Amino acid sequence: MFVRISFVTLLVIVLAWSVLTRVSEGAGAGAPYRVQAGDTLWSVAARHYRGYPRRGVWAIQRENGLGGSGLTPGQVLVLP
């Protein structure tokens, strides 16, 4: 009897846990940003991220696979 109650309790807990938990998608897909003439990574990061822009610059470079800091007008960046 104890085994049956334990099994049912465990089954209910597992089912409840699987229903109540959900997949985390983190921040989701980044927002696209079209580079304007005169934009730099620093200026884009300063406009779109709080705090010190250097972290924003690193995030933009990492998300877009940029090796340097050069941008061209019309280029589309994904802002994480």
PDB file of N, CA and C in Angstrom:
ATOM      1  N   MET A   1       0.821  -1.194   0.000  1.00  0.00           N
ATOM      2  CA  MET A   1       0.000   0.000   0.000  1.00  0.00           C
ATOM      3  C   MET A   1       0.863   1.255   0.000  1.00  0.00           C
ATOM      4  N   PHE A   2       1.942   1.215   0.839  1.00  0.00           N
ATOM      5  CA  PHE A   2       2.835   2.368   0.923  1.00  0.00           C
ATOM      6  C   PHE A   2       3.512   2.627  -0.414  1.00  0.00           C
ATOM      7  N   VAL A   3       3.884   1.576  -1.118  1.00  0.00           N
ATOM      8  CA  VAL A   3       4.541   1.713  -2.419  1.00  0.00           C
ATOM      9  C   VAL A   3       3.586   2.351  -3.422  1.00  0.00           C
ATOM     10  N   ARG A   4       2.354   1.955  -3.403  1.00  0.00           N
ATOM     11  CA  ARG A   4       1.356   2.490  -4.323  1.00  0.00           C
ATOM     12  C   ARG A   4       1.122   3.978  -4.050  1.00  0.00           C
ATOM     13  N   ILE A   5       1.008   4.362  -2.783  1.00  0.00           N
ATOM     14  CA  ILE A   5       0.809   5.772  -2.422  1.00  0.00           C
ATOM     15  C   ILE A   5       2.044   6.587  -2.818  1.00  0.00           C
ATOM     16  N   SER A   6       3.217   6.052  -2.582  1.00  0.00           N
ATOM     17  CA  SER A   6       4.454   6.751  -2.950  1.00  0.00           C
ATOM     18  C   SER A   6       4.543   6.935  -4.459  1.00  0.00           C
ATOM     19  N   PHE A   7       4.200   5.907  -5.201  1.00  0.00           N
ATOM     20  CA  PHE A   7       4.244   5.980  -6.654  1.00  0.00           C
ATOM     21  C   PHE A   7       3.260   7.019  -7.177  1.00  0.00           C
ATOM     22  N   VAL A   8       2.032   7.036  -6.685  1.00  0.00           N
ATOM     23  CA  VAL A   8       1.027   7.998  -7.114  1.00  0.00           C
ATOM     24  C   VAL A   8       1.452   9.421  -6.744  1.00  0.00           C
ATOM     25  N   THR A   9       1.995   9.586  -5.556  1.00  0.00           N
ATOM     26  CA  THR A   9       2.475  10.911  -5.126  1.00  0.00           C
ATOM     27  C   THR A   9       3.595  11.394  -6.035  1.00  0.00           C
ATOM     28  N   LEU A  10       4.543  10.531  -6.325  1.00  0.00           N
ATOM     29  CA  LEU A  10       5.640  10.881  -7.215  1.00  0.00           C
ATOM     30  C   LEU A  10       5.124  11.224  -8.609  1.00  0.00           C
ATOM     31  N   LEU A  11       4.185  10.462  -9.101  1.00  0.00           N
ATOM     32  CA  LEU A  11       3.601  10.714 -10.415  1.00  0.00           C
ATOM     33  C   LEU A  11       2.898  12.071 -10.453  1.00  0.00           C
ATOM     34  N   VAL A  12       2.156  12.407  -9.414  1.00  0.00           N
ATOM     35  CA  VAL A  12       1.464  13.694  -9.348  1.00  0.00           C
ATOM     36  C   VAL A  12       2.474  14.846  -9.303  1.00  0.00           C
ATOM     37  N   ILE A  13       3.531  14.668  -8.540  1.00  0.00           N
ATOM     38  CA  ILE A  13       4.557  15.715  -8.447  1.00  0.00           C
ATOM     39  C   ILE A  13       5.236  15.927  -9.794  1.00  0.00           C
ATOM     40  N   VAL A  14       5.583  14.859 -10.469  1.00  0.00           N
ATOM     41  CA  VAL A  14       6.237  14.974 -11.777  1.00  0.00           C
ATOM     42  C   VAL A  14       5.305  15.628 -12.792  1.00  0.00           C
ATOM     43  N   LEU A  15       4.059  15.227 -12.810  1.00  0.00           N
ATOM     44  CA  LEU A  15       3.106  15.840 -13.749  1.00  0.00           C
ATOM     45  C   LEU A  15       2.885  17.316 -13.440  1.00  0.00           C
ATOM     46  N   ALA A  16       2.748  17.653 -12.165  1.00  0.00           N
ATOM     47  CA  ALA A  16       2.556  19.060 -11.790  1.00  0.00           C
ATOM     48  C   ALA A  16       3.783  19.876 -12.157  1.00  0.00           C
ATOM     49  N   TRP A  17       4.962  19.342 -11.918  1.00  0.00           N
ATOM     50  CA  TRP A  17       6.198  20.050 -12.246  1.00  0.00           C
ATOM     51  C   TRP A  17       6.314  20.271 -13.748  1.00  0.00           C
ATOM     52  N   SER A  18       5.962  19.270 -14.543  1.00  0.00           N
ATOM     53  CA  SER A  18       6.074  19.411 -15.993  1.00  0.00           C
ATOM     54  C   SER A  18       5.054  20.403 -16.546  1.00  0.00           C
ATOM     55  N   VAL A  19       3.912  20.543 -15.907  1.00  0.00           N
ATOM     56  CA  VAL A  19       2.902  21.506 -16.352  1.00  0.00           C
ATOM     57  C   VAL A  19       3.272  22.917 -15.911  1.00  0.00           C
ATOM     58  N   LEU A  20       3.786  23.061 -14.701  1.00  0.00           N
ATOM     59  CA  LEU A  20       4.058  24.384 -14.160  1.00  0.00           C
ATOM     60  C   LEU A  20       5.356  25.002 -14.663  1.00  0.00           C
ATOM     61  N   THR A  21       6.310  24.195 -15.077  1.00  0.00           N
ATOM     62  CA  THR A  21       7.553  24.749 -15.600  1.00  0.00           C
ATOM     63  C   THR A  21       7.400  24.996 -17.085  1.00  0.00           C
ATOM     64  N   ARG A  22       8.167  25.957 -17.574  1.00  0.00           N
ATOM     65  CA  ARG A  22       8.125  26.234 -18.997  1.00  0.00           C
ATOM     66  C   ARG A  22       9.534  26.510 -19.481  1.00  0.00           C
ATOM     67  N   VAL A  23       9.727  26.419 -20.750  1.00  0.00           N
ATOM     68  CA  VAL A  23      11.035  26.636 -21.338  1.00  0.00           C
ATOM     69  C   VAL A  23      11.361  28.113 -21.281  1.00  0.00           C
ATOM     70  N   SER A  24      12.547  28.420 -20.831  1.00  0.00           N
ATOM     71  CA  SER A  24      12.998  29.807 -20.784  1.00  0.00           C
ATOM     72  C   SER A  24      13.603  30.163 -22.130  1.00  0.00           C
ATOM     73  N   GLU A  25      13.133  31.243 -22.706  1.00  0.00           N
ATOM     74  CA  GLU A  25      13.677  31.691 -23.974  1.00  0.00           C
ATOM     75  C   GLU A  25      14.638  32.842 -23.770  1.00  0.00           C
ATOM     76  N   GLY A  26      15.009  33.115 -22.522  1.00  0.00           N
ATOM     77  CA  GLY A  26      15.945  34.189 -22.235  1.00  0.00           C
ATOM     78  C   GLY A  26      15.385  35.520 -22.675  1.00  0.00           C
ATOM     79  N   ALA A  27      16.216  36.302 -23.300  1.00  0.00           N
ATOM     80  CA  ALA A  27      15.810  37.629 -23.745  1.00  0.00           C
ATOM     81  C   ALA A  27      15.075  37.579 -25.067  1.00  0.00           C
ATOM     82  N   GLY A  28      15.055  36.433 -25.696  1.00  0.00           N
ATOM     83  CA  GLY A  28      14.386  36.318 -26.972  1.00  0.00           C
ATOM     84  C   GLY A  28      15.279  36.811 -28.099  1.00  0.00           C
ATOM     85  N   ALA A  29      14.696  36.902 -29.261  1.00  0.00           N
ATOM     86  CA  ALA A  29      15.434  37.358 -30.428  1.00  0.00           C
ATOM     87  C   ALA A  29      15.777  38.829 -30.283  1.00  0.00           C
ATOM     88  N   GLY A  30      16.928  39.193 -30.788  1.00  0.00           N
ATOM     89  CA  GLY A  30      17.355  40.580 -30.712  1.00  0.00           C
ATOM     90  C   GLY A  30      16.578  41.458 -31.678  1.00  0.00           C
ATOM     91  N   ALA A  31      16.657  42.756 -31.433  1.00  0.00           N
ATOM     92  CA  ALA A  31      15.973  43.722 -32.283  1.00  0.00           C
ATOM     93  C   ALA A  31      16.915  44.168 -33.394  1.00  0.00           C
ATOM     94  N   PRO A  32      16.439  44.219 -34.634  1.00  0.00           N
ATOM     95  CA  PRO A  32      17.301  44.683 -35.721  1.00  0.00           C
ATOM     96  C   PRO A  32      17.483  46.201 -35.649  1.00  0.00           C
ATOM     97  N   TYR A  33      18.660  46.659 -36.019  1.00  0.00           N
ATOM     98  CA  TYR A  33      18.966  48.089 -36.057  1.00  0.00           C
ATOM     99  C   TYR A  33      19.753  48.361 -37.324  1.00  0.00           C
ATOM    100  N   ARG A  34      19.270  49.312 -38.136  1.00  0.00           N
ATOM    101  CA  ARG A  34      19.970  49.687 -39.363  1.00  0.00           C
ATOM    102  C   ARG A  34      20.919  50.840 -39.048  1.00  0.00           C
ATOM    103  N   VAL A  35      22.185  50.638 -39.357  1.00  0.00           N
ATOM    104  CA  VAL A  35      23.226  51.617 -39.064  1.00  0.00           C
ATOM    105  C   VAL A  35      23.016  52.868 -39.926  1.00  0.00           C
ATOM    106  N   GLN A  36      23.065  54.017 -39.275  1.00  0.00           N
ATOM    107  CA  GLN A  36      22.951  55.310 -39.948  1.00  0.00           C
ATOM    108  C   GLN A  36      24.348  55.899 -40.159  1.00  0.00           C
ATOM    109  N   ALA A  37      24.467  56.860 -41.066  1.00  0.00           N
ATOM    110  CA  ALA A  37      25.746  57.531 -41.289  1.00  0.00           C
ATOM    111  C   ALA A  37      26.187  58.197 -39.986  1.00  0.00           C
ATOM    112  N   GLY A  38      27.422  58.013 -39.617  1.00  0.00           N
ATOM    113  CA  GLY A  38      27.962  58.609 -38.400  1.00  0.00           C
ATOM    114  C   GLY A  38      27.830  57.736 -37.168  1.00  0.00           C
ATOM    115  N   ASP A  39      27.127  56.621 -37.263  1.00  0.00           N
ATOM    116  CA  ASP A  39      26.996  55.714 -36.123  1.00  0.00           C
ATOM    117  C   ASP A  39      28.315  54.998 -35.848  1.00  0.00           C
ATOM    118  N   THR A  40      28.580  54.795 -34.589  1.00  0.00           N
ATOM    119  CA  THR A  40      29.685  53.945 -34.147  1.00  0.00           C
ATOM    120  C   THR A  40      29.098  52.901 -33.207  1.00  0.00           C
ATOM    121  N   LEU A  41      29.847  51.852 -32.957  1.00  0.00           N
ATOM    122  CA  LEU A  41      29.362  50.853 -31.997  1.00  0.00           C
ATOM    123  C   LEU A  41      29.104  51.501 -30.641  1.00  0.00           C
ATOM    124  N   TRP A  42      29.975  52.428 -30.277  1.00  0.00           N
ATOM    125  CA  TRP A  42      29.838  53.106 -28.986  1.00  0.00           C
ATOM    126  C   TRP A  42      28.537  53.907 -28.937  1.00  0.00           C
ATOM    127  N   SER A  43      28.236  54.655 -29.999  1.00  0.00           N
ATOM    128  CA  SER A  43      27.024  55.484 -29.984  1.00  0.00           C
ATOM    129  C   SER A  43      25.758  54.624 -29.997  1.00  0.00           C
ATOM    130  N   VAL A  44      25.788  53.535 -30.737  1.00  0.00           N
ATOM    131  CA  VAL A  44      24.631  52.625 -30.758  1.00  0.00           C
ATOM    132  C   VAL A  44      24.434  52.004 -29.378  1.00  0.00           C
ATOM    133  N   ALA A  45      25.525  51.560 -28.772  1.00  0.00           N
ATOM    134  CA  ALA A  45      25.444  50.953 -27.433  1.00  0.00           C
ATOM    135  C   ALA A  45      24.973  51.969 -26.406  1.00  0.00           C
ATOM    136  N   ALA A  46      25.453  53.198 -26.503  1.00  0.00           N
ATOM    137  CA  ALA A  46      25.059  54.239 -25.543  1.00  0.00           C
ATOM    138  C   ALA A  46      23.574  54.550 -25.641  1.00  0.00           C
ATOM    139  N   ARG A  47      22.999  54.479 -26.835  1.00  0.00           N
ATOM    140  CA  ARG A  47      21.572  54.766 -27.016  1.00  0.00           C
ATOM    141  C   ARG A  47      20.675  53.608 -26.594  1.00  0.00           C
ATOM    142  N   HIS A  48      21.164  52.382 -26.708  1.00  0.00           N
ATOM    143  CA  HIS A  48      20.297  51.225 -26.502  1.00  0.00           C
ATOM    144  C   HIS A  48      20.559  50.431 -25.224  1.00  0.00           C
ATOM    145  N   TYR A  49      21.614  50.739 -24.483  1.00  0.00           N
ATOM    146  CA  TYR A  49      21.937  49.993 -23.269  1.00  0.00           C
ATOM    147  C   TYR A  49      22.156  50.949 -22.110  1.00  0.00           C
ATOM    148  N   ARG A  50      21.746  50.534 -20.936  1.00  0.00           N
ATOM    149  CA  ARG A  50      21.960  51.334 -19.732  1.00  0.00           C
ATOM    150  C   ARG A  50      23.369  51.125 -19.222  1.00  0.00           C
ATOM    151  N   GLY A  51      23.845  52.081 -18.458  1.00  0.00           N
ATOM    152  CA  GLY A  51      25.153  51.939 -17.831  1.00  0.00           C
ATOM    153  C   GLY A  51      26.279  52.232 -18.798  1.00  0.00           C
ATOM    154  N   TYR A  52      27.411  51.667 -18.500  1.00  0.00           N
ATOM    155  CA  TYR A  52      28.623  51.881 -19.289  1.00  0.00           C
ATOM    156  C   TYR A  52      28.475  51.226 -20.661  1.00  0.00           C
ATOM    157  N   PRO A  53      28.637  51.963 -21.755  1.00  0.00           N
ATOM    158  CA  PRO A  53      28.399  51.428 -23.101  1.00  0.00           C
ATOM    159  C   PRO A  53      29.331  50.306 -23.530  1.00  0.00           C
ATOM    160  N   ARG A  54      30.482  50.167 -22.867  1.00  0.00           N
ATOM    161  CA  ARG A  54      31.433  49.143 -23.296  1.00  0.00           C
ATOM    162  C   ARG A  54      30.806  47.749 -23.290  1.00  0.00           C
ATOM    163  N   ARG A  55      29.985  47.449 -22.294  1.00  0.00           N
ATOM    164  CA  ARG A  55      29.319  46.133 -22.258  1.00  0.00           C
ATOM    165  C   ARG A  55      28.359  45.975 -23.429  1.00  0.00           C
ATOM    166  N   GLY A  56      27.688  47.055 -23.790  1.00  0.00           N
ATOM    167  CA  GLY A  56      26.807  47.020 -24.956  1.00  0.00           C
ATOM    168  C   GLY A  56      27.584  46.788 -26.243  1.00  0.00           C
ATOM    169  N   VAL A  57      28.750  47.433 -26.355  1.00  0.00           N
ATOM    170  CA  VAL A  57      29.610  47.238 -27.529  1.00  0.00           C
ATOM    171  C   VAL A  57      30.004  45.772 -27.631  1.00  0.00           C
ATOM    172  N   TRP A  58      30.443  45.182 -26.518  1.00  0.00           N
ATOM    173  CA  TRP A  58      30.839  43.771 -26.528  1.00  0.00           C
ATOM    174  C   TRP A  58      29.669  42.869 -26.909  1.00  0.00           C
ATOM    175  N   ALA A  59      28.480  43.167 -26.383  1.00  0.00           N
ATOM    176  CA  ALA A  59      27.302  42.344 -26.692  1.00  0.00           C
ATOM    177  C   ALA A  59      26.946  42.436 -28.173  1.00  0.00           C
ATOM    178  N   ILE A  60      27.006  43.645 -28.737  1.00  0.00           N
ATOM    179  CA  ILE A  60      26.692  43.822 -30.162  1.00  0.00           C
ATOM    180  C   ILE A  60      27.722  43.087 -31.018  1.00  0.00           C
ATOM    181  N   GLN A  61      29.005  43.231 -30.673  1.00  0.00           N
ATOM    182  CA  GLN A  61      30.046  42.535 -31.431  1.00  0.00           C
ATOM    183  C   GLN A  61      29.861  41.021 -31.374  1.00  0.00           C
ATOM    184  N   ARG A  62      29.582  40.500 -30.202  1.00  0.00           N
ATOM    185  CA  ARG A  62      29.409  39.050 -30.032  1.00  0.00           C
ATOM    186  C   ARG A  62      28.187  38.558 -30.803  1.00  0.00           C
ATOM    187  N   GLU A  63      27.078  39.278 -30.699  1.00  0.00           N
ATOM    188  CA  GLU A  63      25.833  38.853 -31.351  1.00  0.00           C
ATOM    189  C   GLU A  63      25.946  38.871 -32.873  1.00  0.00           C
ATOM    190  N   ASN A  64      26.722  39.815 -33.404  1.00  0.00           N
ATOM    191  CA  ASN A  64      26.806  39.985 -34.851  1.00  0.00           C
ATOM    192  C   ASN A  64      28.095  39.429 -35.458  1.00  0.00           C
ATOM    193  N   GLY A  65      28.944  38.819 -34.627  1.00  0.00           N
ATOM    194  CA  GLY A  65      30.181  38.241 -35.130  1.00  0.00           C
ATOM    195  C   GLY A  65      31.141  39.277 -35.694  1.00  0.00           C
ATOM    196  N   LEU A  66      31.171  40.457 -35.093  1.00  0.00           N
ATOM    197  CA  LEU A  66      32.045  41.522 -35.567  1.00  0.00           C
ATOM    198  C   LEU A  66      33.424  41.371 -34.945  1.00  0.00           C
ATOM    199  N   GLY A  67      34.466  41.455 -35.778  1.00  0.00           N
ATOM    200  CA  GLY A  67      35.817  41.364 -35.271  1.00  0.00           C
ATOM    201  C   GLY A  67      36.370  42.717 -34.867  1.00  0.00           C
ATOM    202  N   GLY A  68      35.862  43.757 -35.469  1.00  0.00           N
ATOM    203  CA  GLY A  68      36.343  45.104 -35.178  1.00  0.00           C
ATOM    204  C   GLY A  68      35.198  46.012 -34.811  1.00  0.00           C
ATOM    205  N   SER A  69      35.467  47.309 -34.930  1.00  0.00           N
ATOM    206  CA  SER A  69      34.445  48.278 -34.548  1.00  0.00           C
ATOM    207  C   SER A  69      33.879  49.039 -35.743  1.00  0.00           C
ATOM    208  N   GLY A  70      34.316  48.693 -36.951  1.00  0.00           N
ATOM    209  CA  GLY A  70      33.866  49.411 -38.137  1.00  0.00           C
ATOM    210  C   GLY A  70      32.437  49.058 -38.530  1.00  0.00           C
ATOM    211  N   LEU A  71      31.654  50.090 -38.812  1.00  0.00           N
ATOM    212  CA  LEU A  71      30.281  49.914 -39.276  1.00  0.00           C
ATOM    213  C   LEU A  71      30.109  50.654 -40.596  1.00  0.00           C
ATOM    214  N   THR A  72      29.207  50.166 -41.436  1.00  0.00           N
ATOM    215  CA  THR A  72      28.896  50.861 -42.673  1.00  0.00           C
ATOM    216  C   THR A  72      27.426  51.246 -42.668  1.00  0.00           C
ATOM    217  N   PRO A  73      27.109  52.441 -43.171  1.00  0.00           N
ATOM    218  CA  PRO A  73      25.689  52.859 -43.222  1.00  0.00           C
ATOM    219  C   PRO A  73      24.863  51.836 -44.004  1.00  0.00           C
ATOM    220  N   GLY A  74      23.705  51.519 -43.485  1.00  0.00           N
ATOM    221  CA  GLY A  74      22.822  50.532 -44.112  1.00  0.00           C
ATOM    222  C   GLY A  74      22.991  49.133 -43.565  1.00  0.00           C
ATOM    223  N   GLN A  75      24.101  48.886 -42.879  1.00  0.00           N
ATOM    224  CA  GLN A  75      24.334  47.573 -42.269  1.00  0.00           C
ATOM    225  C   GLN A  75      23.271  47.324 -41.212  1.00  0.00           C
ATOM    226  N   VAL A  76      22.777  46.100 -41.139  1.00  0.00           N
ATOM    227  CA  VAL A  76      21.764  45.751 -40.142  1.00  0.00           C
ATOM    228  C   VAL A  76      22.433  44.964 -39.022  1.00  0.00           C
ATOM    229  N   LEU A  77      22.304  45.489 -37.809  1.00  0.00           N
ATOM    230  CA  LEU A  77      22.837  44.820 -36.630  1.00  0.00           C
ATOM    231  C   LEU A  77      21.693  44.226 -35.833  1.00  0.00           C
ATOM    232  N   VAL A  78      21.964  43.140 -35.152  1.00  0.00           N
ATOM    233  CA  VAL A  78      20.997  42.560 -34.225  1.00  0.00           C
ATOM    234  C   VAL A  78      21.409  43.020 -32.831  1.00  0.00           C
ATOM    235  N   LEU A  79      20.536  43.750 -32.169  1.00  0.00           N
ATOM    236  CA  LEU A  79      20.824  44.237 -30.820  1.00  0.00           C
ATOM    237  C   LEU A  79      20.261  43.245 -29.809  1.00  0.00           C
ATOM    238  N   PRO A  80      21.151  42.587 -29.066  1.00  0.00           N
ATOM    239  CA  PRO A  80      20.687  41.593 -28.089  1.00  0.00           C
ATOM    240  C   PRO A  80      19.989  42.240 -26.911  1.00  0.00           C
TER     241      PRO A  80
END
